[in-house]
PDB file of N, CA and C in Angstrom:
ATOM      1  N   MET A   1      83.008 -44.297  33.115  1.00  0.00           N
ATOM      2  CA  MET A   1      84.160 -42.871  32.919  1.00  0.00           C
ATOM      3  C   MET A   1      85.330 -43.708  32.219  1.00  0.00           C
ATOM      4  N   ASN A   2      85.745 -42.483  31.418  1.00  0.00           N
ATOM      5  CA  ASN A   2      86.962 -42.452  30.845  1.00  0.00           C
ATOM      6  C   ASN A   2      88.057 -41.490  30.821  1.00  0.00           C
ATOM      7  N   ILE A   3      89.305 -41.531  30.732  1.00  0.00           N
ATOM      8  CA  ILE A   3      90.129 -40.836  30.704  1.00  0.00           C
ATOM      9  C   ILE A   3      91.420 -40.743  29.477  1.00  0.00           C
ATOM     10  N   ALA A   4      91.254 -39.548  29.220  1.00  0.00           N
ATOM     11  CA  ALA A   4      92.353 -39.981  27.960  1.00  0.00           C
ATOM     12  C   ALA A   4      93.813 -38.685  28.832  1.00  0.00           C
ATOM     13  N   ARG A   5      94.684 -39.542  28.772  1.00  0.00           N
ATOM     14  CA  ARG A   5      95.845 -39.158  29.435  1.00  0.00           C
ATOM     15  C   ARG A   5      96.799 -37.886  28.045  1.00  0.00           C
ATOM     16  N   LYS A   6      97.563 -37.029  28.963  1.00  0.00           N
ATOM     17  CA  LYS A   6      98.230 -36.348  28.115  1.00  0.00           C
ATOM     18  C   LYS A   6      99.365 -37.457  27.466  1.00  0.00           C
ATOM     19  N   ASN A   7      99.742 -38.175  27.671  1.00  0.00           N
ATOM     20  CA  ASN A   7     100.703 -39.320  27.031  1.00  0.00           C
ATOM     21  C   ASN A   7      99.940 -40.040  25.755  1.00  0.00           C
ATOM     22  N   ASP A   8      98.747 -40.171  25.776  1.00  0.00           N
ATOM     23  CA  ASP A   8      98.144 -40.464  24.859  1.00  0.00           C
ATOM     24  C   ASP A   8      97.957 -39.807  23.556  1.00  0.00           C
ATOM     25  N   ALA A   9      97.986 -38.192  24.252  1.00  0.00           N
ATOM     26  CA  ALA A   9      97.551 -37.248  22.623  1.00  0.00           C
ATOM     27  C   ALA A   9      98.512 -37.602  21.707  1.00  0.00           C
ATOM     28  N   GLU A  10      98.091 -37.320  20.360  1.00  0.00           N
ATOM     29  CA  GLU A  10      99.088 -37.320  18.852  1.00  0.00           C
ATOM     30  C   GLU A  10      99.293 -35.607  18.918  1.00  0.00           C
ATOM     31  N   THR A  11     100.383 -35.583  18.393  1.00  0.00           N
ATOM     32  CA  THR A  11     100.884 -34.129  17.697  1.00  0.00           C
ATOM     33  C   THR A  11     100.673 -34.074  16.417  1.00  0.00           C
ATOM     34  N   ILE A  12      99.651 -33.211  16.056  1.00  0.00           N
ATOM     35  CA  ILE A  12      99.609 -33.183  14.485  1.00  0.00           C
ATOM     36  C   ILE A  12     100.223 -31.747  14.126  1.00  0.00           C
ATOM     37  N   ILE A  13     100.639 -31.505  13.216  1.00  0.00           N
ATOM     38  CA  ILE A  13     100.984 -30.187  12.502  1.00  0.00           C
ATOM     39  C   ILE A  13     100.037 -29.999  11.458  1.00  0.00           C
ATOM     40  N   ILE A  14      99.357 -29.122  11.855  1.00  0.00           N
ATOM     41  CA  ILE A  14      98.667 -28.785  10.826  1.00  0.00           C
ATOM     42  C   ILE A  14      98.901 -28.126   9.746  1.00  0.00           C
ATOM     43  N   GLY A  15     100.003 -27.074   9.811  1.00  0.00           N
ATOM     44  CA  GLY A  15     100.325 -26.156   8.961  1.00  0.00           C
ATOM     45  C   GLY A  15     101.514 -25.395   9.953  1.00  0.00           C
ATOM     46  N   PRO A  16     102.208 -24.186   8.808  1.00  0.00           N
ATOM     47  CA  PRO A  16     102.969 -23.652   9.606  1.00  0.00           C
ATOM     48  C   PRO A  16     102.604 -22.875  11.025  1.00  0.00           C
ATOM     49  N   THR A  17     101.211 -22.648  11.132  1.00  0.00           N
ATOM     50  CA  THR A  17     100.855 -21.889  12.111  1.00  0.00           C
ATOM     51  C   THR A  17      99.592 -22.419  13.470  1.00  0.00           C
ATOM     52  N   LEU A  18      99.360 -23.870  12.950  1.00  0.00           N
ATOM     53  CA  LEU A  18      98.660 -24.875  13.937  1.00  0.00           C
ATOM     54  C   LEU A  18      99.186 -25.905  14.482  1.00  0.00           C
ATOM     55  N   THR A  19      99.116 -26.041  15.357  1.00  0.00           N
ATOM     56  CA  THR A  19      99.623 -27.754  16.075  1.00  0.00           C
ATOM     57  C   THR A  19      98.538 -27.925  16.920  1.00  0.00           C
ATOM     58  N   ALA A  20      98.110 -28.846  16.992  1.00  0.00           N
ATOM     59  CA  ALA A  20      97.020 -29.932  17.225  1.00  0.00           C
ATOM     60  C   ALA A  20      96.983 -30.981  18.332  1.00  0.00           C
ATOM     61  N   TYR A  21      96.898 -30.672  19.279  1.00  0.00           N
ATOM     62  CA  TYR A  21      97.159 -32.143  20.273  1.00  0.00           C
ATOM     63  C   TYR A  21      96.107 -33.076  20.432  1.00  0.00           C
ATOM     64  N   GLU A  22      95.667 -34.213  19.538  1.00  0.00           N
ATOM     65  CA  GLU A  22      94.449 -34.645  19.484  1.00  0.00           C
ATOM     66  C   GLU A  22      94.593 -35.815  20.996  1.00  0.00           C
ATOM     67  N   TYR A  23      93.263 -35.777  21.454  1.00  0.00           N
ATOM     68  CA  TYR A  23      93.476 -36.809  22.777  1.00  0.00           C
ATOM     69  C   TYR A  23      92.286 -37.654  21.713  1.00  0.00           C
ATOM     70  N   PRO A  24      92.668 -39.004  22.269  1.00  0.00           N
ATOM     71  CA  PRO A  24      91.743 -40.192  21.773  1.00  0.00           C
ATOM     72  C   PRO A  24      90.259 -39.889  21.872  1.00  0.00           C
ATOM     73  N   VAL A  25      89.649 -40.401  20.997  1.00  0.00           N
ATOM     74  CA  VAL A  25      88.124 -39.790  21.043  1.00  0.00           C
ATOM     75  C   VAL A  25      87.315 -41.009  21.740  1.00  0.00           C
ATOM     76  N   LEU A  26      86.511 -40.898  23.063  1.00  0.00           N
ATOM     77  CA  LEU A  26      86.062 -41.467  24.165  1.00  0.00           C
ATOM     78  C   LEU A  26      85.028 -41.638  24.006  1.00  0.00           C
ATOM     79  N   ASP A  27      84.075 -41.147  23.256  1.00  0.00           N
ATOM     80  CA  ASP A  27      82.877 -40.754  22.981  1.00  0.00           C
ATOM     81  C   ASP A  27      82.575 -40.359  21.831  1.00  0.00           C
ATOM     82  N   LYS A  28      81.728 -40.737  20.934  1.00  0.00           N
ATOM     83  CA  LYS A  28      81.443 -39.951  19.725  1.00  0.00           C
ATOM     84  C   LYS A  28      80.562 -38.715  19.963  1.00  0.00           C
ATOM     85  N   THR A  29      79.784 -38.418  20.634  1.00  0.00           N
ATOM     86  CA  THR A  29      78.884 -37.428  21.125  1.00  0.00           C
ATOM     87  C   THR A  29      80.125 -36.188  21.436  1.00  0.00           C
ATOM     88  N   LEU A  30      81.097 -36.577  21.695  1.00  0.00           N
ATOM     89  CA  LEU A  30      81.680 -35.539  22.560  1.00  0.00           C
ATOM     90  C   LEU A  30      83.650 -35.804  21.835  1.00  0.00           C
ATOM     91  N   HIS A  31      84.209 -34.650  21.785  1.00  0.00           N
ATOM     92  CA  HIS A  31      85.370 -34.672  21.657  1.00  0.00           C
ATOM     93  C   HIS A  31      86.250 -33.351  22.237  1.00  0.00           C
ATOM     94  N   GLY A  32      87.505 -33.936  22.367  1.00  0.00           N
ATOM     95  CA  GLY A  32      88.379 -32.039  22.962  1.00  0.00           C
ATOM     96  C   GLY A  32      89.588 -32.382  21.974  1.00  0.00           C
ATOM     97  N   THR A  33      90.209 -31.320  22.002  1.00  0.00           N
ATOM     98  CA  THR A  33      91.399 -31.407  21.493  1.00  0.00           C
ATOM     99  C   THR A  33      92.183 -29.939  22.009  1.00  0.00           C
ATOM    100  N   VAL A  34      93.525 -29.814  22.209  1.00  0.00           N
ATOM    101  CA  VAL A  34      94.216 -28.580  22.637  1.00  0.00           C
ATOM    102  C   VAL A  34      95.102 -28.363  21.211  1.00  0.00           C
ATOM    103  N   MET A  35      94.727 -26.641  21.138  1.00  0.00           N
ATOM    104  CA  MET A  35      95.307 -26.157  19.619  1.00  0.00           C
ATOM    105  C   MET A  35      96.087 -25.077  20.145  1.00  0.00           C
ATOM    106  N   LYS A  36      97.229 -25.071  19.376  1.00  0.00           N
ATOM    107  CA  LYS A  36      98.532 -23.948  19.687  1.00  0.00           C
ATOM    108  C   LYS A  36      98.250 -22.943  18.345  1.00  0.00           C
ATOM    109  N   LEU A  37      97.865 -21.687  18.268  1.00  0.00           N
ATOM    110  CA  LEU A  37      97.832 -20.765  17.386  1.00  0.00           C
ATOM    111  C   LEU A  37      98.834 -20.078  17.341  1.00  0.00           C
ATOM    112  N   LYS A  38      99.889 -20.020  16.008  1.00  0.00           N
ATOM    113  CA  LYS A  38     100.922 -18.831  16.106  1.00  0.00           C
ATOM    114  C   LYS A  38     100.899 -18.030  14.613  1.00  0.00           C
ATOM    115  N   GLY A  39      99.672 -17.121  14.388  1.00  0.00           N
ATOM    116  CA  GLY A  39      99.712 -16.713  13.160  1.00  0.00           C
ATOM    117  C   GLY A  39      98.209 -16.757  12.542  1.00  0.00           C
ATOM    118  N   ARG A  40      98.305 -16.932  11.600  1.00  0.00           N
ATOM    119  CA  ARG A  40      96.693 -16.852  10.379  1.00  0.00           C
ATOM    120  C   ARG A  40      96.877 -18.679  10.711  1.00  0.00           C
ATOM    121  N   TYR A  41      95.197 -19.142  10.783  1.00  0.00           N
ATOM    122  CA  TYR A  41      94.787 -20.545  10.333  1.00  0.00           C
ATOM    123  C   TYR A  41      93.264 -20.591   9.808  1.00  0.00           C
ATOM    124  N   PRO A  42      93.127 -20.542   8.356  1.00  0.00           N
ATOM    125  CA  PRO A  42      94.301 -21.124   7.448  1.00  0.00           C
ATOM    126  C   PRO A  42      94.917 -20.022   6.980  1.00  0.00           C
ATOM    127  N   VAL A  43      95.999 -20.554   6.399  1.00  0.00           N
ATOM    128  CA  VAL A  43      96.945 -19.445   5.796  1.00  0.00           C
ATOM    129  C   VAL A  43      96.318 -18.392   4.928  1.00  0.00           C
ATOM    130  N   GLU A  44      95.402 -18.826   3.935  1.00  0.00           N
ATOM    131  CA  GLU A  44      94.225 -18.329   3.101  1.00  0.00           C
ATOM    132  C   GLU A  44      92.824 -18.904   3.192  1.00  0.00           C
ATOM    133  N   GLY A  45      92.151 -18.109   2.795  1.00  0.00           N
ATOM    134  CA  GLY A  45      90.778 -18.136   2.797  1.00  0.00           C
ATOM    135  C   GLY A  45      90.021 -18.616   4.132  1.00  0.00           C
ATOM    136  N   ARG A  46      88.849 -19.354   3.965  1.00  0.00           N
ATOM    137  CA  ARG A  46      88.484 -19.452   5.685  1.00  0.00           C
ATOM    138  C   ARG A  46      88.266 -21.363   5.460  1.00  0.00           C
ATOM    139  N   VAL A  47      87.572 -21.457   6.642  1.00  0.00           N
ATOM    140  CA  VAL A  47      87.174 -23.252   6.859  1.00  0.00           C
ATOM    141  C   VAL A  47      85.991 -23.107   7.350  1.00  0.00           C
ATOM    142  N   MET A  48      85.277 -24.085   7.754  1.00  0.00           N
ATOM    143  CA  MET A  48      84.103 -24.498   8.381  1.00  0.00           C
ATOM    144  C   MET A  48      83.829 -25.705   8.537  1.00  0.00           C
ATOM    145  N   ASN A  49      82.952 -25.992   9.819  1.00  0.00           N
ATOM    146  CA  ASN A  49      82.862 -27.389   9.930  1.00  0.00           C
ATOM    147  C   ASN A  49      81.220 -27.875   9.405  1.00  0.00           C
ATOM    148  N   GLU A  50      80.812 -28.609   8.715  1.00  0.00           N
ATOM    149  CA  GLU A  50      79.594 -29.019   8.239  1.00  0.00           C
ATOM    150  C   GLU A  50      78.758 -29.956   9.306  1.00  0.00           C
ATOM    151  N   ILE A  51      79.140 -30.122  10.318  1.00  0.00           N
ATOM    152  CA  ILE A  51      78.242 -30.967  11.588  1.00  0.00           C
ATOM    153  C   ILE A  51      78.841 -30.613  12.344  1.00  0.00           C
ATOM    154  N   CYS A  52      79.877 -30.373  13.118  1.00  0.00           N
ATOM    155  CA  CYS A  52      80.393 -30.590  14.581  1.00  0.00           C
ATOM    156  C   CYS A  52      80.534 -28.596  15.084  1.00  0.00           C
ATOM    157  N   THR A  53      79.486 -28.957  16.085  1.00  0.00           N
ATOM    158  CA  THR A  53      79.861 -27.354  17.099  1.00  0.00           C
ATOM    159  C   THR A  53      81.290 -27.380  17.787  1.00  0.00           C
ATOM    160  N   GLU A  54      81.960 -26.346  17.817  1.00  0.00           N
ATOM    161  CA  GLU A  54      83.130 -25.976  18.555  1.00  0.00           C
ATOM    162  C   GLU A  54      82.782 -25.295  19.766  1.00  0.00           C
ATOM    163  N   ILE A  55      83.961 -25.319  20.784  1.00  0.00           N
ATOM    164  CA  ILE A  55      83.786 -24.149  21.557  1.00  0.00           C
ATOM    165  C   ILE A  55      85.352 -24.054  21.851  1.00  0.00           C
ATOM    166  N   GLY A  56      85.662 -22.944  21.586  1.00  0.00           N
ATOM    167  CA  GLY A  56      87.083 -22.558  21.926  1.00  0.00           C
ATOM    168  C   GLY A  56      87.241 -21.965  23.135  1.00  0.00           C
ATOM    169  N   TYR A  57      87.816 -22.377  24.538  1.00  0.00           N
ATOM    170  CA  TYR A  57      88.149 -21.548  25.555  1.00  0.00           C
ATOM    171  C   TYR A  57      89.915 -21.421  25.359  1.00  0.00           C
ATOM    172  N   VAL A  58      89.946 -20.192  25.831  1.00  0.00           N
ATOM    173  CA  VAL A  58      91.168 -19.781  25.579  1.00  0.00           C
ATOM    174  C   VAL A  58      92.463 -19.956  26.887  1.00  0.00           C
ATOM    175  N   ILE A  59      93.033 -20.863  26.784  1.00  0.00           N
ATOM    176  CA  ILE A  59      93.838 -20.882  28.098  1.00  0.00           C
ATOM    177  C   ILE A  59      94.942 -20.077  27.873  1.00  0.00           C
ATOM    178  N   GLU A  60      95.693 -19.808  27.069  1.00  0.00           N
ATOM    179  CA  GLU A  60      96.487 -18.269  27.385  1.00  0.00           C
ATOM    180  C   GLU A  60      96.859 -17.659  25.827  1.00  0.00           C
ATOM    181  N   GLY A  61      97.114 -16.635  25.792  1.00  0.00           N
ATOM    182  CA  GLY A  61      97.217 -15.801  24.667  1.00  0.00           C
ATOM    183  C   GLY A  61      96.102 -14.787  24.249  1.00  0.00           C
ATOM    184  N   SER A  62      96.058 -14.442  23.223  1.00  0.00           N
ATOM    185  CA  SER A  62      94.991 -13.503  22.524  1.00  0.00           C
ATOM    186  C   SER A  62      95.268 -13.688  20.991  1.00  0.00           C
ATOM    187  N   GLY A  63      93.934 -13.168  20.335  1.00  0.00           N
ATOM    188  CA  GLY A  63      93.825 -12.977  19.262  1.00  0.00           C
ATOM    189  C   GLY A  63      92.482 -12.432  18.262  1.00  0.00           C
ATOM    190  N   LYS A  64      92.339 -13.102  17.688  1.00  0.00           N
ATOM    191  CA  LYS A  64      90.765 -12.890  16.634  1.00  0.00           C
ATOM    192  C   LYS A  64      90.441 -14.025  15.896  1.00  0.00           C
ATOM    193  N   LEU A  65      89.121 -13.951  15.933  1.00  0.00           N
ATOM    194  CA  LEU A  65      88.565 -14.755  15.490  1.00  0.00           C
ATOM    195  C   LEU A  65      87.536 -14.418  14.236  1.00  0.00           C
ATOM    196  N   ILE A  66      87.677 -14.365  12.487  1.00  0.00           N
ATOM    197  CA  ILE A  66      87.136 -13.842  12.082  1.00  0.00           C
ATOM    198  C   ILE A  66      85.819 -14.389  11.288  1.00  0.00           C
ATOM    199  N   LEU A  67      84.758 -14.553  11.825  1.00  0.00           N
ATOM    200  CA  LEU A  67      83.194 -15.249  11.913  1.00  0.00           C
ATOM    201  C   LEU A  67      82.520 -14.521  10.930  1.00  0.00           C
ATOM    202  N   GLU A  68      82.152 -15.282  10.254  1.00  0.00           N
ATOM    203  CA  GLU A  68      81.546 -14.778   9.121  1.00  0.00           C
ATOM    204  C   GLU A  68      81.724 -13.545   8.652  1.00  0.00           C
ATOM    205  N   GLY A  69      82.677 -12.909   8.343  1.00  0.00           N
ATOM    206  CA  GLY A  69      83.082 -11.468   8.608  1.00  0.00           C
ATOM    207  C   GLY A  69      82.903 -10.252   9.932  1.00  0.00           C
ATOM    208  N   GLU A  70      82.912 -10.973  10.839  1.00  0.00           N
ATOM    209  CA  GLU A  70      82.595 -10.614  12.223  1.00  0.00           C
ATOM    210  C   GLU A  70      83.963 -10.858  12.870  1.00  0.00           C
ATOM    211  N   GLU A  71      84.872  -9.491  13.075  1.00  0.00           N
ATOM    212  CA  GLU A  71      86.065 -10.117  13.864  1.00  0.00           C
ATOM    213  C   GLU A  71      85.416  -9.722  15.222  1.00  0.00           C
ATOM    214  N   ILE A  72      86.308 -11.054  16.043  1.00  0.00           N
ATOM    215  CA  ILE A  72      85.835 -10.846  17.572  1.00  0.00           C
ATOM    216  C   ILE A  72      87.325 -11.291  18.165  1.00  0.00           C
ATOM    217  N   LYS A  73      87.628 -10.180  18.754  1.00  0.00           N
ATOM    218  CA  LYS A  73      88.831 -10.232  19.763  1.00  0.00           C
ATOM    219  C   LYS A  73      89.124 -11.176  21.025  1.00  0.00           C
ATOM    220  N   PHE A  74      89.561 -11.827  21.345  1.00  0.00           N
ATOM    221  CA  PHE A  74      89.586 -12.804  22.288  1.00  0.00           C
ATOM    222  C   PHE A  74      90.913 -12.735  22.904  1.00  0.00           C
ATOM    223  N   GLU A  75      90.912 -13.130  24.384  1.00  0.00           N
ATOM    224  CA  GLU A  75      92.295 -13.133  25.110  1.00  0.00           C
ATOM    225  C   GLU A  75      91.893 -14.555  26.662  1.00  0.00           C
ATOM    226  N   ALA A  76      92.925 -14.801  26.704  1.00  0.00           N
ATOM    227  CA  ALA A  76      92.681 -15.727  27.797  1.00  0.00           C
ATOM    228  C   ALA A  76      91.653 -15.678  28.948  1.00  0.00           C
ATOM    229  N   GLY A  77      90.604 -16.719  29.038  1.00  0.00           N
ATOM    230  CA  GLY A  77      89.499 -17.104  30.111  1.00  0.00           C
ATOM    231  C   GLY A  77      88.420 -16.654  29.191  1.00  0.00           C
ATOM    232  N   ASP A  78      88.637 -15.872  27.868  1.00  0.00           N
ATOM    233  CA  ASP A  78      87.223 -15.642  26.802  1.00  0.00           C
ATOM    234  C   ASP A  78      86.926 -17.537  26.375  1.00  0.00           C
ATOM    235  N   GLN A  79      85.625 -17.568  25.501  1.00  0.00           N
ATOM    236  CA  GLN A  79      85.002 -18.822  25.174  1.00  0.00           C
ATOM    237  C   GLN A  79      84.421 -18.416  24.224  1.00  0.00           C
ATOM    238  N   ILE A  80      84.618 -19.125  22.688  1.00  0.00           N
ATOM    239  CA  ILE A  80      84.053 -18.950  21.998  1.00  0.00           C
ATOM    240  C   ILE A  80      83.255 -19.779  21.169  1.00  0.00           C
ATOM    241  N   LEU A  81      81.946 -19.867  20.404  1.00  0.00           N
ATOM    242  CA  LEU A  81      81.105 -20.898  19.997  1.00  0.00           C
ATOM    243  C   LEU A  81      80.964 -20.984  18.690  1.00  0.00           C
ATOM    244  N   ILE A  82      81.407 -21.786  17.767  1.00  0.00           N
ATOM    245  CA  ILE A  82      81.672 -21.899  16.342  1.00  0.00           C
ATOM    246  C   ILE A  82      80.515 -22.836  15.691  1.00  0.00           C
ATOM    247  N   LYS A  83      79.624 -22.601  15.185  1.00  0.00           N
ATOM    248  CA  LYS A  83      78.151 -23.281  14.709  1.00  0.00           C
ATOM    249  C   LYS A  83      78.687 -23.902  13.405  1.00  0.00           C
ATOM    250  N   PRO A  84      78.016 -24.941  13.134  1.00  0.00           N
ATOM    251  CA  PRO A  84      78.118 -25.548  11.783  1.00  0.00           C
ATOM    252  C   PRO A  84      78.159 -24.890  10.895  1.00  0.00           C
ATOM    253  N   GLY A  85      78.493 -24.970   9.873  1.00  0.00           N
ATOM    254  CA  GLY A  85      78.011 -23.957   8.831  1.00  0.00           C
ATOM    255  C   GLY A  85      78.606 -22.505   8.681  1.00  0.00           C
ATOM    256  N   GLU A  86      79.508 -21.937   9.771  1.00  0.00           N
ATOM    257  CA  GLU A  86      80.135 -20.705  10.121  1.00  0.00           C
ATOM    258  C   GLU A  86      81.529 -20.702   9.222  1.00  0.00           C
ATOM    259  N   ARG A  87      81.601 -19.889   8.535  1.00  0.00           N
ATOM    260  CA  ARG A  87      83.213 -19.999   7.986  1.00  0.00           C
ATOM    261  C   ARG A  87      83.963 -18.859   9.100  1.00  0.00           C
ATOM    262  N   TYR A  88      84.977 -19.416   9.093  1.00  0.00           N
ATOM    263  CA  TYR A  88      85.956 -18.368   9.912  1.00  0.00           C
ATOM    264  C   TYR A  88      88.031 -18.958   9.314  1.00  0.00           C
ATOM    265  N   TYR A  89      88.275 -17.726  10.316  1.00  0.00           N
ATOM    266  CA  TYR A  89      89.555 -17.983  10.247  1.00  0.00           C
ATOM    267  C   TYR A  89      90.135 -17.338  11.763  1.00  0.00           C
ATOM    268  N   TRP A  90      91.152 -18.005  12.005  1.00  0.00           N
ATOM    269  CA  TRP A  90      92.268 -17.273  13.211  1.00  0.00           C
ATOM    270  C   TRP A  90      93.333 -16.330  12.927  1.00  0.00           C
ATOM    271  N   GLU A  91      93.578 -15.731  13.767  1.00  0.00           N
ATOM    272  CA  GLU A  91      94.715 -14.975  13.875  1.00  0.00           C
ATOM    273  C   GLU A  91      95.090 -14.550  15.406  1.00  0.00           C
ATOM    274  N   ALA A  92      95.969 -15.657  15.484  1.00  0.00           N
ATOM    275  CA  ALA A  92      96.507 -15.717  16.987  1.00  0.00           C
ATOM    276  C   ALA A  92      97.477 -16.226  17.463  1.00  0.00           C
ATOM    277  N   ASP A  93      98.042 -15.474  18.512  1.00  0.00           N
ATOM    278  CA  ASP A  93      98.858 -16.501  19.230  1.00  0.00           C
ATOM    279  C   ASP A  93      98.200 -16.859  20.667  1.00  0.00           C
ATOM    280  N   ALA A  94      98.114 -18.187  20.744  1.00  0.00           N
ATOM    281  CA  ALA A  94      97.335 -18.323  21.828  1.00  0.00           C
ATOM    282  C   ALA A  94      97.274 -19.943  21.327  1.00  0.00           C
ATOM    283  N   THR A  95      96.804 -20.717  23.181  1.00  0.00           N
ATOM    284  CA  THR A  95      96.750 -21.904  23.091  1.00  0.00           C
ATOM    285  C   THR A  95      94.693 -22.564  23.819  1.00  0.00           C
ATOM    286  N   LEU A  96      94.249 -22.924  23.051  1.00  0.00           N
ATOM    287  CA  LEU A  96      92.893 -23.298  23.184  1.00  0.00           C
ATOM    288  C   LEU A  96      92.462 -24.718  23.131  1.00  0.00           C
ATOM    289  N   PHE A  97      91.297 -24.825  24.304  1.00  0.00           N
ATOM    290  CA  PHE A  97      91.029 -26.180  24.364  1.00  0.00           C
ATOM    291  C   PHE A  97      89.873 -26.042  23.710  1.00  0.00           C
ATOM    292  N   MET A  98      89.521 -26.833  22.559  1.00  0.00           N
ATOM    293  CA  MET A  98      88.469 -27.063  21.773  1.00  0.00           C
ATOM    294  C   MET A  98      87.493 -28.313  21.576  1.00  0.00           C
ATOM    295  N   PRO A  99      86.787 -28.168  22.473  1.00  0.00           N
ATOM    296  CA  PRO A  99      86.040 -29.417  22.972  1.00  0.00           C
ATOM    297  C   PRO A  99      84.730 -29.106  21.763  1.00  0.00           C
ATOM    298  N   CYS A 100      84.451 -30.488  20.788  1.00  0.00           N
ATOM    299  CA  CYS A 100      83.502 -30.785  19.948  1.00  0.00           C
ATOM    300  C   CYS A 100      82.320 -31.393  19.940  1.00  0.00           C
ATOM    301  N   ALA A 101      81.043 -31.300  19.632  1.00  0.00           N
ATOM    302  CA  ALA A 101      79.798 -31.802  19.683  1.00  0.00           C
ATOM    303  C   ALA A 101      79.404 -32.007  18.215  1.00  0.00           C
ATOM    304  N   PRO A 102      78.932 -33.246  17.625  1.00  0.00           N
ATOM    305  CA  PRO A 102      79.485 -34.358  18.038  1.00  0.00           C
ATOM    306  C   PRO A 102      81.042 -34.340  18.005  1.00  0.00           C
ATOM    307  N   ALA A 103      81.748 -35.777  17.907  1.00  0.00           N
ATOM    308  CA  ALA A 103      83.355 -35.931  18.070  1.00  0.00           C
ATOM    309  C   ALA A 103      83.678 -35.399  16.713  1.00  0.00           C
ATOM    310  N   TRP A 104      84.855 -33.999  16.604  1.00  0.00           N
ATOM    311  CA  TRP A 104      85.011 -33.985  15.137  1.00  0.00           C
ATOM    312  C   TRP A 104      85.846 -35.026  14.531  1.00  0.00           C
ATOM    313  N   TYR A 105      86.024 -34.472  13.711  1.00  0.00           N
ATOM    314  CA  TYR A 105      86.605 -35.731  12.366  1.00  0.00           C
ATOM    315  C   TYR A 105      86.628 -34.733  11.033  1.00  0.00           C
ATOM    316  N   PRO A 106      87.947 -35.354  10.780  1.00  0.00           N
ATOM    317  CA  PRO A 106      88.223 -34.271   9.256  1.00  0.00           C
ATOM    318  C   PRO A 106      87.833 -34.233   8.351  1.00  0.00           C
ATOM    319  N   GLU A 107      86.785 -35.261   7.933  1.00  0.00           N
ATOM    320  CA  GLU A 107      86.444 -35.043   6.806  1.00  0.00           C
ATOM    321  C   GLU A 107      85.020 -34.157   6.457  1.00  0.00           C
ATOM    322  N   GLN A 108      84.529 -33.565   7.587  1.00  0.00           N
ATOM    323  CA  GLN A 108      83.417 -32.798   7.854  1.00  0.00           C
ATOM    324  C   GLN A 108      83.925 -31.366   7.904  1.00  0.00           C
ATOM    325  N   HIS A 109      85.198 -31.152   8.019  1.00  0.00           N
ATOM    326  CA  HIS A 109      85.963 -29.999   8.306  1.00  0.00           C
ATOM    327  C   HIS A 109      86.519 -29.375   6.653  1.00  0.00           C
ATOM    328  N   LYS A 110      85.987 -28.346   6.235  1.00  0.00           N
ATOM    329  CA  LYS A 110      86.312 -28.110   4.821  1.00  0.00           C
ATOM    330  C   LYS A 110      86.890 -26.697   4.944  1.00  0.00           C
ATOM    331  N   GLU A 111      87.707 -26.512   4.224  1.00  0.00           N
ATOM    332  CA  GLU A 111      88.300 -25.078   3.160  1.00  0.00           C
ATOM    333  C   GLU A 111      87.020 -24.684   2.214  1.00  0.00           C
ATOM    334  N   VAL A 112      86.638 -23.461   2.957  1.00  0.00           N
ATOM    335  CA  VAL A 112      85.231 -23.022   1.696  1.00  0.00           C
ATOM    336  C   VAL A 112      85.948 -21.493   1.068  1.00  0.00           C
ATOM    337  N   GLU A 113      87.519 -21.331   1.214  1.00  0.00           N
ATOM    338  CA  GLU A 113      87.810 -20.032  -0.092  1.00  0.00           C
ATOM    339  C   GLU A 113      89.021 -20.030   0.091  1.00  0.00           C
TER     340      GLU A 113
END
């Protein structure tokens, strides 16, 4: 058993609309982060994960995810699955918990447009 404490999380400002609270990776097969979205991410274009599958659990707020051209509206309590290779962007004022398998790492996260 391992525990990642709130005080161990690193605050990462990813841009003007996204702040991530990255917890230490305790297991390379699974990882979680908390994201605070205030607007569009990425600001332009779309992104995708080449390897990681992400689940977004909406803690608070609402918004939409544009996933492969489909608009998916969400609100607190909803859960969203993003598979490897799916291109997307967010427009939201929301806080999400984002577990990833395998553990997320930046080299596999790509801007695609």
